[in-house]
Amino acid sequence: MEPKPCIICVAITGSLPRKSDNPAVPISVSEQVESTHEAFEAGASIVHAHVRNDDETPSSDPEKFAALKEGLERHCPGMIIQFSTGGRSGAGQTRGGMLPLAPDMASLSVGSNNFPTRVYENPPDLVDWLAAEMKTYGVRPEIEAFDLSHIHQAAKMYADGRLEKSPYVQFVMGVKNAMPVDRDVFDYYRATMARLLPDSEWCAAGIGAHQLTLNEWVVETGGHARCGLEDNVRLDRTTLAPSNAALVQRVTALCEKYERPVASWQQAREILDLPLRQA
């Protein structure tokens, strides 16, 4: 049996890292498109995107997302575009203001949890509204599981029809005050997915220095990988990552180590049941 291709998602910018942390963090739309194109050529088939204001603060401006989507579609044809509806860039329904642009995917956090200095609030009414908007505009959610309960909630939302397709779930590990990087927990998450959502695909993200650890765990165990400057601005303790593409290349090296092919954008769309758009 051929090993499953590994989908690589590149989280290019996020809401927190700044140029002062690493000059390679892409802030403007043109920088984001260029950085994504390099990562796409290196093997990434999904781009997870936030937008920023000129002063580098987070934004939820649909016009910025529209400009980014247009640039990505032109320069990275076929790549899966995933927009963030995370809580750092806006409050309430402003977090989903870009969903009418109908990106391929969008992140969906289905429960609250602690972050380093605050509570990441995802109240049930907002979760349901975001899920409904995604359904309306044909956007595939990626469930952000910061806690075990979020996997259970995703399964419940799928069972009662709030999610149309079997959920694509991302384990987020290593956020301070949330779920630590723990192999027993990771393996239990995988077992929970197999039990509650046996037809679902899953991926994982490790924050900071844990990015490479999670990359290796998922490649080894048949999941899909997320990397990028949003989660980690360094290659190691003393070396800044020169680009998002460099972090993608670490994952492709792991795929070679574990003899897993890197998913093309066509394969990624097939695995995630997304329309096959022409390049």
Protein backbone atom coordinates (compact mmCIF):
# COMPACT_ATOMS: atom_id res chain seq x y z
CA MET A 1 0.00 0.00 0.00
CA GLU A 2 1.36 3.37 -1.05
CA PRO A 3 1.91 5.84 1.82
CA LYS A 4 -0.53 8.74 1.99
CA PRO A 5 0.81 12.00 0.54
CA CYS A 6 1.52 14.61 3.22
CA ILE A 7 -0.27 17.93 2.81
CA ILE A 8 1.95 20.84 3.89
CA CYS A 9 0.23 24.00 5.10
CA VAL A 10 2.32 27.16 5.39
CA ALA A 11 1.13 29.76 7.92
CA ILE A 12 2.87 32.74 6.43
CA THR A 13 2.26 35.70 8.77
CA GLY A 14 -0.14 35.26 11.69
CA SER A 15 -1.11 38.11 14.01
CA LEU A 16 1.91 38.40 16.29
CA PRO A 17 5.36 38.10 14.64
CA ARG A 18 6.81 41.40 13.45
CA LYS A 19 9.73 42.47 11.31
CA SER A 20 11.61 43.18 14.53
CA ASP A 21 11.29 39.47 15.39
CA ASN A 22 12.38 38.33 11.94
CA PRO A 23 12.71 40.57 8.87
CA ALA A 24 11.42 37.71 6.71
CA VAL A 25 7.88 37.95 8.20
CA PRO A 26 5.72 39.07 5.24
CA ILE A 27 3.44 41.99 6.19
CA SER A 28 2.24 43.72 3.03
CA VAL A 29 0.08 41.88 0.51
CA SER A 30 2.90 41.90 -2.05
CA GLU A 31 5.32 40.43 0.52
CA GLN A 32 2.77 37.78 1.46
CA VAL A 33 2.22 36.77 -2.16
CA GLU A 34 5.96 36.54 -2.82
CA SER A 35 6.62 34.54 0.36
CA THR A 36 3.73 32.19 -0.40
CA HIS A 37 4.93 31.65 -3.95
CA GLU A 38 8.34 30.55 -2.65
CA ALA A 39 6.67 28.20 -0.15
CA PHE A 40 4.35 26.85 -2.87
CA GLU A 41 7.32 26.02 -5.07
CA ALA A 42 9.01 24.37 -2.06
CA GLY A 43 6.06 21.99 -1.56
CA ALA A 44 3.29 23.72 0.39
CA SER A 45 -0.20 23.14 -0.98
CA ILE A 46 -2.21 25.18 1.58
CA VAL A 47 -1.56 28.78 2.63
CA HIS A 48 -3.01 29.86 5.98
CA ALA A 49 -3.33 33.63 5.78
CA HIS A 50 -3.86 36.61 8.06
CA VAL A 51 -3.64 40.22 6.93
CA ARG A 52 -1.95 43.18 8.62
CA ASN A 53 -2.21 46.93 8.70
CA ASP A 54 0.70 49.06 7.51
CA ASP A 55 1.88 49.40 11.13
CA GLU A 56 2.02 45.57 11.36
CA THR A 57 -1.00 45.33 13.69
CA PRO A 58 -3.56 42.60 12.90
CA SER A 59 -6.45 43.41 10.58
CA SER A 60 -9.70 41.78 9.55
CA ASP A 61 -10.27 44.14 6.59
CA PRO A 62 -12.07 42.20 3.82
CA GLU A 63 -10.47 44.46 1.21
CA LYS A 64 -7.00 43.36 2.31
CA PHE A 65 -8.10 39.72 2.20
CA ALA A 66 -9.55 40.29 -1.29
CA ALA A 67 -6.29 41.75 -2.56
CA LEU A 68 -4.34 38.86 -1.04
CA LYS A 69 -6.68 36.26 -2.54
CA GLU A 70 -6.37 37.85 -5.98
CA GLY A 71 -2.57 37.86 -5.77
CA LEU A 72 -2.37 34.29 -4.52
CA GLU A 73 -4.68 32.99 -7.22
CA ARG A 74 -2.57 34.72 -9.87
CA HIS A 75 0.86 33.68 -8.62
CA CYS A 76 0.11 30.35 -6.88
CA PRO A 77 -2.53 28.80 -9.18
CA GLY A 78 -4.20 25.75 -7.66
CA MET A 79 -2.88 26.34 -4.13
CA ILE A 80 -5.53 26.00 -1.41
CA ILE A 81 -6.25 29.40 0.14
CA GLN A 82 -7.25 29.28 3.81
CA PHE A 83 -8.18 32.49 5.65
CA SER A 84 -7.96 32.88 9.41
CA THR A 85 -11.05 33.77 11.43
CA GLY A 86 -8.93 33.93 14.59
CA GLY A 87 -9.66 36.28 17.45
CA ARG A 88 -6.55 38.46 17.46
CA SER A 89 -7.56 40.38 14.36
CA GLY A 90 -11.09 41.33 15.32
CA ALA A 91 -14.03 40.75 17.63
CA GLY A 92 -17.34 39.01 17.08
CA GLN A 93 -18.64 38.71 13.56
CA THR A 94 -15.90 40.94 12.13
CA ARG A 95 -13.76 37.79 12.38
CA GLY A 96 -15.77 36.31 9.52
CA GLY A 97 -16.09 39.42 7.39
CA MET A 98 -13.91 37.93 4.64
CA LEU A 99 -15.92 34.71 4.25
CA PRO A 100 -18.11 36.13 1.43
CA LEU A 101 -14.89 36.17 -0.63
CA ALA A 102 -15.28 32.36 -0.68
CA PRO A 103 -11.72 31.20 -0.03
CA ASP A 104 -11.22 27.45 -0.33
CA MET A 105 -10.96 27.08 3.44
CA ALA A 106 -11.05 29.03 6.70
CA SER A 107 -9.95 28.25 10.22
CA LEU A 108 -12.71 27.58 12.75
CA SER A 109 -12.06 27.41 16.48
CA VAL A 110 -15.01 25.63 18.09
CA GLY A 111 -14.27 26.36 21.75
CA SER A 112 -12.43 28.72 24.07
CA ASN A 113 -9.08 28.24 25.79
CA ASN A 114 -6.32 30.19 27.49
CA PHE A 115 -3.65 32.00 25.52
CA PRO A 116 -0.41 33.39 27.00
CA THR A 117 -1.99 36.58 28.38
CA ARG A 118 -5.73 36.29 27.75
CA VAL A 119 -8.65 34.02 27.09
CA TYR A 120 -9.22 33.10 23.44
CA GLU A 121 -12.99 33.46 23.40
CA ASN A 122 -15.07 31.39 21.01
CA PRO A 123 -18.61 31.51 22.41
CA PRO A 124 -21.10 28.99 20.99
CA ASP A 125 -23.21 31.59 19.17
CA LEU A 126 -20.18 32.96 17.33
CA VAL A 127 -18.93 29.46 16.47
CA ASP A 128 -22.34 28.60 15.02
CA TRP A 129 -22.47 31.86 13.05
CA LEU A 130 -19.01 31.33 11.57
CA ALA A 131 -19.86 27.73 10.68
CA ALA A 132 -23.10 28.86 9.02
CA GLU A 133 -21.28 31.54 7.01
CA MET A 134 -18.75 28.99 5.84
CA LYS A 135 -21.57 26.71 4.74
CA THR A 136 -23.31 29.58 2.92
CA TYR A 137 -20.23 30.54 0.92
CA GLY A 138 -18.91 27.02 0.31
CA VAL A 139 -15.84 27.44 2.51
CA ARG A 140 -14.31 24.27 3.97
CA PRO A 141 -13.57 24.72 7.70
CA GLU A 142 -10.33 23.62 9.29
CA ILE A 143 -11.15 22.90 12.94
CA GLU A 144 -8.51 24.35 15.27
CA ALA A 145 -8.34 21.94 18.22
CA PHE A 146 -6.58 23.67 21.12
CA ASP A 147 -8.11 21.14 23.52
CA LEU A 148 -9.53 17.61 23.48
CA SER A 149 -13.05 18.99 23.90
CA HIS A 150 -12.72 20.75 20.54
CA ILE A 151 -12.41 17.40 18.74
CA HIS A 152 -15.56 16.21 20.48
CA GLN A 153 -17.33 19.45 19.56
CA ALA A 154 -16.33 19.10 15.92
CA ALA A 155 -17.75 15.57 15.87
CA LYS A 156 -21.00 16.84 17.39
CA MET A 157 -21.27 19.68 14.85
CA TYR A 158 -20.74 17.22 12.02
CA ALA A 159 -23.34 14.83 13.41
CA ASP A 160 -26.01 17.53 13.69
CA GLY A 161 -25.28 19.10 10.31
CA ARG A 162 -23.57 22.34 11.32
CA LEU A 163 -20.54 21.02 9.46
CA GLU A 164 -21.33 19.57 6.03
CA LYS A 165 -18.23 17.50 5.43
CA SER A 166 -16.29 15.25 7.76
CA PRO A 167 -14.15 17.76 9.68
CA TYR A 168 -10.52 18.44 8.85
CA VAL A 169 -9.03 18.87 12.33
CA GLN A 170 -5.77 20.53 13.31
CA PHE A 171 -4.20 19.78 16.69
CA VAL A 172 -2.60 22.98 18.00
CA MET A 173 0.05 22.23 20.60
CA GLY A 174 2.60 24.35 22.40
CA VAL A 175 0.60 27.55 23.01
CA LYS A 176 1.52 28.79 26.48
CA ASN A 177 -1.30 28.06 28.99
CA ALA A 178 -3.04 25.77 26.49
CA MET A 179 -2.23 22.20 25.39
CA PRO A 180 1.49 21.43 25.79
CA VAL A 181 3.53 19.37 23.37
CA ASP A 182 3.08 15.89 24.80
CA ARG A 183 3.39 12.68 22.78
CA ASP A 184 0.83 10.80 24.89
CA VAL A 185 -1.71 13.59 24.30
CA PHE A 186 -0.89 13.68 20.61
CA ASP A 187 -1.43 9.93 20.32
CA TYR A 188 -4.69 10.18 22.26
CA TYR A 189 -5.88 12.94 19.91
CA ARG A 190 -5.17 10.62 16.97
CA ALA A 191 -7.04 7.79 18.68
CA THR A 192 -9.97 10.10 19.39
CA MET A 193 -10.11 11.12 15.74
CA ALA A 194 -10.09 7.47 14.68
CA ARG A 195 -12.94 6.74 17.09
CA LEU A 196 -15.17 9.80 16.60
CA LEU A 197 -14.30 10.90 13.06
CA PRO A 198 -12.91 7.82 11.30
CA ASP A 199 -13.34 9.34 7.84
CA SER A 200 -11.60 12.61 8.70
CA GLU A 201 -8.13 13.83 7.86
CA TRP A 202 -6.09 15.60 10.52
CA CYS A 203 -3.03 17.77 10.80
CA ALA A 204 -1.03 19.37 13.61
CA ALA A 205 0.82 22.57 14.41
CA GLY A 206 3.58 23.01 16.96
CA ILE A 207 4.21 26.51 18.26
CA GLY A 208 7.70 28.03 18.57
CA ALA A 209 10.55 25.59 19.02
CA HIS A 210 8.00 22.75 18.97
CA GLN A 211 7.21 23.22 15.28
CA LEU A 212 9.81 20.73 14.11
CA THR A 213 8.77 18.20 16.78
CA LEU A 214 5.15 18.23 15.60
CA ASN A 215 6.23 18.18 11.97
CA GLU A 216 8.10 14.94 12.62
CA TRP A 217 5.29 13.37 14.65
CA VAL A 218 2.68 13.97 11.94
CA VAL A 219 4.86 12.85 9.05
CA GLU A 220 5.76 9.70 11.00
CA THR A 221 2.14 8.85 11.90
CA GLY A 222 0.30 9.65 8.66
CA GLY A 223 -1.08 13.12 9.38
CA HIS A 224 -0.56 16.42 7.61
CA ALA A 225 1.85 19.17 8.60
CA ARG A 226 1.70 22.89 9.29
CA CYS A 227 4.77 25.10 9.38
CA GLY A 228 5.58 28.74 8.82
CA LEU A 229 6.67 32.02 10.34
CA GLU A 230 3.32 32.55 12.09
CA ASP A 231 4.16 29.76 14.52
CA ASN A 232 7.95 29.92 14.62
CA VAL A 233 10.40 32.55 13.38
CA ARG A 234 13.53 30.42 13.93
CA LEU A 235 15.26 27.40 12.49
CA ASP A 236 16.91 26.81 15.86
CA ARG A 237 17.66 28.73 19.05
CA THR A 238 20.27 30.94 17.40
CA THR A 239 19.18 31.04 13.74
CA LEU A 240 16.28 33.00 12.27
CA ALA A 241 14.38 31.25 9.51
CA PRO A 242 15.29 32.99 6.24
CA SER A 243 11.83 32.42 4.74
CA ASN A 244 8.61 30.49 4.98
CA ALA A 245 9.98 28.29 2.21
CA ALA A 246 12.88 27.23 4.45
CA LEU A 247 10.40 25.93 7.03
CA VAL A 248 8.50 24.07 4.30
CA GLN A 249 11.75 22.48 3.18
CA ARG A 250 12.26 21.04 6.67
CA VAL A 251 8.95 19.21 6.28
CA THR A 252 9.78 17.92 2.83
CA ALA A 253 13.05 16.54 4.25
CA LEU A 254 11.03 14.70 6.91
CA CYS A 255 8.75 13.31 4.21
CA GLU A 256 11.83 11.93 2.47
CA LYS A 257 13.08 10.47 5.77
CA TYR A 258 9.77 8.66 6.39
CA GLU A 259 9.22 7.82 2.71
CA ARG A 260 6.02 9.81 2.35
CA PRO A 261 5.36 11.76 -0.82
CA VAL A 262 4.65 15.47 -0.52
CA ALA A 263 1.10 16.16 -1.68
CA SER A 264 0.75 18.24 -4.82
CA TRP A 265 -1.98 20.86 -4.81
CA GLN A 266 -4.08 18.50 -6.94
CA GLN A 267 -3.65 15.66 -4.43
CA ALA A 268 -4.34 17.98 -1.51
CA ARG A 269 -7.61 19.10 -3.09
CA GLU A 270 -8.59 15.49 -3.69
CA ILE A 271 -7.75 14.44 -0.12
CA LEU A 272 -9.71 17.38 1.36
CA ASP A 273 -12.62 17.04 -1.08
CA LEU A 274 -12.14 20.48 -2.58
CA PRO A 275 -12.91 21.47 -6.17
CA LEU A 276 -10.04 20.88 -8.57
CA ARG A 277 -9.38 24.31 -10.01
CA GLN A 278 -7.31 24.79 -13.10
CA ALA A 279 -3.75 26.00 -12.67
